[in-house]
């Protein structure tokens, strides 16, 4: 709980300049395969390969599982955070 209020670079919730890069990459990865099918559906693209139409029709599943899997992998690659310094939390520790 103390890592939520910690300024330590080793805290569990420390991100790069306030952004969770793994989450952003996973989000973009989940969205990109759906875009060609979306463009075809709204009439921007006249023809796209049938594979993209199938991906678009199953966008909830494809995006959820591809983005979720990539987020899991990237989060695990980051590794376990180190031990926070004892006096580091902004809020005082409970006694």
C-alpha atoms as a PDB file:
ATOM      1  CA  UNK A   1       0.000   0.000   0.000  1.00  0.00           C
ATOM      2  CA  UNK A   2       2.834   2.376   0.717  1.00  0.00           C
ATOM      3  CA  UNK A   3       4.042   2.094  -2.906  1.00  0.00           C
ATOM      4  CA  UNK A   4       0.902   3.951  -4.020  1.00  0.00           C
ATOM      5  CA  UNK A   5       2.232   7.105  -2.335  1.00  0.00           C
ATOM      6  CA  UNK A   6       5.920   6.572  -2.904  1.00  0.00           C
ATOM      7  CA  UNK A   7       8.209   8.660  -5.068  1.00  0.00           C
ATOM      8  CA  UNK A   8      10.761   5.882  -5.185  1.00  0.00           C
ATOM      9  CA  UNK A   9      11.876   4.861  -8.687  1.00  0.00           C
ATOM     10  CA  UNK A  10      11.654   1.261  -7.434  1.00  0.00           C
ATOM     11  CA  UNK A  11       7.984   1.442  -6.397  1.00  0.00           C
ATOM     12  CA  UNK A  12       5.476  -0.992  -7.857  1.00  0.00           C
ATOM     13  CA  UNK A  13       3.452   1.825  -9.433  1.00  0.00           C
ATOM     14  CA  UNK A  14       6.262   3.907 -10.870  1.00  0.00           C
ATOM     15  CA  UNK A  15       5.779   4.630 -14.557  1.00  0.00           C
ATOM     16  CA  UNK A  16       7.782   6.429 -17.187  1.00  0.00           C
ATOM     17  CA  UNK A  17       6.929  10.104 -16.762  1.00  0.00           C
ATOM     18  CA  UNK A  18       3.524   9.160 -15.388  1.00  0.00           C
ATOM     19  CA  UNK A  19       2.589   6.845 -18.257  1.00  0.00           C
ATOM     20  CA  UNK A  20       2.362   3.074 -18.205  1.00  0.00           C
ATOM     21  CA  UNK A  21       4.193   2.358 -21.447  1.00  0.00           C
ATOM     22  CA  UNK A  22       3.236  -1.334 -21.392  1.00  0.00           C
ATOM     23  CA  UNK A  23      -0.458  -0.400 -21.217  1.00  0.00           C
ATOM     24  CA  UNK A  24      -0.190   2.099 -24.070  1.00  0.00           C
ATOM     25  CA  UNK A  25       1.650  -0.387 -26.306  1.00  0.00           C
ATOM     26  CA  UNK A  26      -0.927  -3.082 -25.494  1.00  0.00           C
ATOM     27  CA  UNK A  27      -3.792  -0.697 -26.251  1.00  0.00           C
ATOM     28  CA  UNK A  28      -2.362   0.257 -29.639  1.00  0.00           C
ATOM     29  CA  UNK A  29      -1.657  -3.410 -30.410  1.00  0.00           C
ATOM     30  CA  UNK A  30      -5.268  -4.275 -29.641  1.00  0.00           C
ATOM     31  CA  UNK A  31      -6.619  -1.477 -31.846  1.00  0.00           C
ATOM     32  CA  UNK A  32      -4.402  -1.708 -34.947  1.00  0.00           C
ATOM     33  CA  UNK A  33      -5.663  -5.024 -36.387  1.00  0.00           C
ATOM     34  CA  UNK A  34      -9.252  -3.728 -36.262  1.00  0.00           C
ATOM     35  CA  UNK A  35      -8.655  -0.480 -38.161  1.00  0.00           C
ATOM     36  CA  UNK A  36      -8.722  -1.835 -41.764  1.00  0.00           C
ATOM     37  CA  UNK A  37     -12.017  -3.639 -41.151  1.00  0.00           C
ATOM     38  CA  UNK A  38     -13.452  -0.493 -39.578  1.00  0.00           C
ATOM     39  CA  UNK A  39     -12.397   1.600 -42.577  1.00  0.00           C
ATOM     40  CA  UNK A  40     -14.091  -0.866 -44.899  1.00  0.00           C
ATOM     41  CA  UNK A  41     -17.252  -0.880 -42.774  1.00  0.00           C
ATOM     42  CA  UNK A  42     -17.630   2.924 -42.798  1.00  0.00           C
ATOM     43  CA  UNK A  43     -16.767   3.190 -46.503  1.00  0.00           C
ATOM     44  CA  UNK A  44     -13.330   4.802 -46.312  1.00  0.00           C
ATOM     45  CA  UNK A  45     -11.653   1.732 -47.834  1.00  0.00           C
ATOM     46  CA  UNK A  46     -13.429   0.043 -50.721  1.00  0.00           C
ATOM     47  CA  UNK A  47     -11.824  -3.360 -50.328  1.00  0.00           C
ATOM     48  CA  UNK A  48      -9.706  -5.002 -47.668  1.00  0.00           C
ATOM     49  CA  UNK A  49      -8.617  -8.615 -47.295  1.00  0.00           C
ATOM     50  CA  UNK A  50     -11.318 -10.847 -45.830  1.00  0.00           C
ATOM     51  CA  UNK A  51      -9.054 -11.572 -42.850  1.00  0.00           C
ATOM     52  CA  UNK A  52      -9.404  -7.972 -41.656  1.00  0.00           C
ATOM     53  CA  UNK A  53     -13.182  -8.141 -41.991  1.00  0.00           C
ATOM     54  CA  UNK A  54     -13.206 -11.250 -39.782  1.00  0.00           C
ATOM     55  CA  UNK A  55     -10.920  -9.521 -37.272  1.00  0.00           C
ATOM     56  CA  UNK A  56     -13.221  -6.482 -37.257  1.00  0.00           C
ATOM     57  CA  UNK A  57     -16.302  -8.657 -36.732  1.00  0.00           C
ATOM     58  CA  UNK A  58     -14.597 -10.268 -33.730  1.00  0.00           C
ATOM     59  CA  UNK A  59     -12.895  -7.100 -32.493  1.00  0.00           C
ATOM     60  CA  UNK A  60     -13.902  -7.482 -28.846  1.00  0.00           C
ATOM     61  CA  UNK A  61     -12.218 -10.854 -28.560  1.00  0.00           C
ATOM     62  CA  UNK A  62      -9.193 -10.195 -30.760  1.00  0.00           C
ATOM     63  CA  UNK A  63      -8.397  -6.845 -29.161  1.00  0.00           C
ATOM     64  CA  UNK A  64      -8.986  -8.044 -25.604  1.00  0.00           C
ATOM     65  CA  UNK A  65      -6.833 -11.148 -25.876  1.00  0.00           C
ATOM     66  CA  UNK A  66      -4.026  -9.709 -28.017  1.00  0.00           C
ATOM     67  CA  UNK A  67      -3.744  -6.537 -25.939  1.00  0.00           C
ATOM     68  CA  UNK A  68      -4.147  -8.410 -22.654  1.00  0.00           C
ATOM     69  CA  UNK A  69      -1.529 -10.996 -23.536  1.00  0.00           C
ATOM     70  CA  UNK A  70       0.951  -8.348 -24.658  1.00  0.00           C
ATOM     71  CA  UNK A  71       0.350  -6.316 -21.490  1.00  0.00           C
ATOM     72  CA  UNK A  72       0.962  -9.411 -19.372  1.00  0.00           C
ATOM     73  CA  UNK A  73       4.223 -10.141 -21.198  1.00  0.00           C
ATOM     74  CA  UNK A  74       5.474  -6.547 -21.064  1.00  0.00           C
ATOM     75  CA  UNK A  75       4.551  -6.177 -17.401  1.00  0.00           C
ATOM     76  CA  UNK A  76       6.433  -9.355 -16.529  1.00  0.00           C
ATOM     77  CA  UNK A  77       9.466  -8.218 -18.527  1.00  0.00           C
ATOM     78  CA  UNK A  78       9.633  -5.127 -16.337  1.00  0.00           C
ATOM     79  CA  UNK A  79      10.363  -7.419 -13.437  1.00  0.00           C
ATOM     80  CA  UNK A  80       9.465  -7.244  -9.814  1.00  0.00           C
ATOM     81  CA  UNK A  81       9.978  -3.839  -8.243  1.00  0.00           C
ATOM     82  CA  UNK A  82      12.752  -3.458  -5.724  1.00  0.00           C
ATOM     83  CA  UNK A  83      12.219  -2.828  -2.053  1.00  0.00           C
ATOM     84  CA  UNK A  84      11.099   0.758  -1.397  1.00  0.00           C
ATOM     85  CA  UNK A  85      13.103   2.838   1.020  1.00  0.00           C
ATOM     86  CA  UNK A  86      11.681   2.711   4.546  1.00  0.00           C
ATOM     87  CA  UNK A  87      11.207   6.462   4.961  1.00  0.00           C
ATOM     88  CA  UNK A  88      10.205   7.121   1.377  1.00  0.00           C
ATOM     89  CA  UNK A  89       6.377   7.151   1.403  1.00  0.00           C
ATOM     90  CA  UNK A  90       4.732  10.550   1.383  1.00  0.00           C
ATOM     91  CA  UNK A  91       2.183   9.439   3.952  1.00  0.00           C
ATOM     92  CA  UNK A  92       3.518   8.391   7.327  1.00  0.00           C
ATOM     93  CA  UNK A  93       3.515   4.678   8.041  1.00  0.00           C
ATOM     94  CA  UNK A  94       1.028   3.306  10.567  1.00  0.00           C
ATOM     95  CA  UNK A  95       2.462   2.439  13.956  1.00  0.00           C
END
